[in-house]
Amino acid sequence: KIYSAKLLVIGAGGIGCELLKNLILTGFEDIEIVDLDTIDVSNLNRQFLFNKEHVGKPKAIVARDSVLRYNPKAKIIAHHGSIISPEYGRLITYKQFTVVLNAL
């Protein structure tokens, strides 16, 4: 039953990359990711889901695409933006998630 949980991961940087990889490899398949940042060259040494061709792209989107290689049948939704923006206040209600993980 735990693997059917709906998870929200806030942040797809150093902590978020490791967390997303661990969640997918553990068997979780329903995850939403929110991150407002884009990938910078300085991220590449510690954020292993990203590489040189990803520089300038949204972290949440690339992180989703990267972890789907580990489990292509997972349902992962990525949002490029701030979790506190009004847009996500309407889209994301915390009650819809079983677990919310802060990876900021």
Protein backbone atom coordinates (compact mmCIF):
# COMPACT_ATOMS: atom_id res chain seq x y z
CA LYS A 1 0.00 0.00 0.00
CA ILE A 2 2.83 2.43 0.73
CA TYR A 3 4.05 2.33 -2.89
CA SER A 4 0.66 3.57 -4.11
CA ALA A 5 1.12 6.80 -2.13
CA LYS A 6 0.93 10.08 -4.04
CA LEU A 7 4.07 12.10 -3.31
CA LEU A 8 4.96 15.77 -3.76
CA VAL A 9 8.67 16.57 -3.93
CA ILE A 10 9.44 20.27 -3.54
CA GLY A 11 12.86 20.93 -5.05
CA ALA A 12 14.84 19.12 -7.74
CA GLY A 13 18.36 20.26 -6.86
CA GLY A 14 21.04 18.47 -4.88
CA ILE A 15 18.71 16.94 -2.30
CA GLY A 16 15.81 16.53 -4.72
CA CYS A 17 17.85 14.59 -7.31
CA GLU A 18 18.95 12.05 -4.72
CA LEU A 19 15.47 11.84 -3.20
CA LEU A 20 13.75 11.32 -6.56
CA LYS A 21 16.20 8.59 -7.57
CA ASN A 22 15.70 6.79 -4.24
CA LEU A 23 11.90 7.06 -4.41
CA ILE A 24 11.73 5.67 -7.96
CA LEU A 25 14.20 2.86 -7.28
CA THR A 26 12.31 1.96 -4.10
CA GLY A 27 9.09 1.52 -6.06
CA PHE A 28 7.07 4.74 -5.74
CA GLU A 29 5.31 5.53 -9.01
CA ASP A 30 3.07 8.58 -8.43
CA ILE A 31 5.18 11.69 -7.88
CA GLU A 32 4.82 15.40 -8.58
CA ILE A 33 7.90 17.62 -8.61
CA VAL A 34 8.00 21.41 -8.21
CA ASP A 35 11.13 23.49 -8.74
CA LEU A 36 11.56 27.05 -9.97
CA ASP A 37 15.23 26.81 -10.95
CA THR A 38 17.05 26.01 -14.16
CA ILE A 39 20.19 23.91 -14.47
CA ASP A 40 23.53 25.71 -14.23
CA VAL A 41 27.00 24.35 -14.99
CA SER A 42 27.81 24.64 -11.27
CA ASN A 43 25.06 22.07 -10.51
CA LEU A 44 26.58 19.27 -12.57
CA ASN A 45 29.11 18.06 -9.99
CA ARG A 46 26.44 17.23 -7.39
CA GLN A 47 23.12 16.92 -9.22
CA PHE A 48 23.69 13.67 -11.07
CA LEU A 49 20.38 13.60 -12.95
CA PHE A 50 21.69 16.49 -15.07
CA ASN A 51 24.49 16.79 -17.61
CA LYS A 52 25.97 19.41 -19.95
CA GLU A 53 23.19 19.34 -22.53
CA HIS A 54 20.66 20.16 -19.79
CA VAL A 55 22.22 23.53 -18.85
CA GLY A 56 19.57 26.25 -18.99
CA LYS A 57 16.64 23.82 -18.86
CA PRO A 58 14.14 23.56 -15.96
CA LYS A 59 15.33 21.24 -13.17
CA ALA A 60 11.88 19.74 -12.51
CA ILE A 61 11.34 18.79 -16.16
CA VAL A 62 14.80 17.29 -16.67
CA ALA A 63 14.68 15.47 -13.31
CA ARG A 64 11.37 13.89 -14.33
CA ASP A 65 12.75 12.79 -17.68
CA SER A 66 15.90 11.42 -16.05
CA VAL A 67 14.17 9.32 -13.37
CA LEU A 68 11.70 7.94 -15.90
CA ARG A 69 14.66 6.05 -17.37
CA TYR A 70 14.73 4.04 -14.12
CA ASN A 71 10.99 3.30 -14.25
CA PRO A 72 9.23 4.31 -17.50
CA LYS A 73 5.79 3.30 -16.19
CA ALA A 74 5.91 5.75 -13.28
CA LYS A 75 3.51 8.70 -13.30
CA ILE A 76 5.66 11.75 -12.70
CA ILE A 77 4.34 15.27 -13.20
CA ALA A 78 6.83 18.14 -13.22
CA HIS A 79 6.05 21.80 -12.54
CA HIS A 80 8.57 24.53 -13.37
CA GLY A 81 7.77 27.33 -10.95
CA SER A 82 7.63 28.41 -7.33
CA ILE A 83 5.54 26.39 -4.90
CA ILE A 84 4.35 29.65 -3.31
CA SER A 85 3.16 31.27 -6.55
CA PRO A 86 -0.62 31.78 -6.91
CA GLU A 87 -0.57 29.47 -9.95
CA TYR A 88 0.36 26.47 -7.81
CA GLY A 89 -1.98 27.47 -5.02
CA ARG A 90 -4.78 26.61 -7.44
CA LEU A 91 -3.11 23.61 -9.09
CA ILE A 92 -1.64 21.88 -6.08
CA THR A 93 -3.61 21.30 -2.91
CA TYR A 94 -1.56 19.56 -0.28
CA LYS A 95 -4.54 17.40 0.71
CA GLN A 96 -4.25 15.50 -2.58
CA PHE A 97 -0.85 14.08 -1.52
CA THR A 98 -0.13 11.28 0.90
CA VAL A 99 3.34 12.67 1.62
CA VAL A 100 4.96 16.06 0.95
CA LEU A 101 8.78 16.06 0.90
CA ASN A 102 10.80 19.25 1.23
CA ALA A 103 14.02 19.00 -0.79
CA LEU A 104 14.84 22.71 -0.89
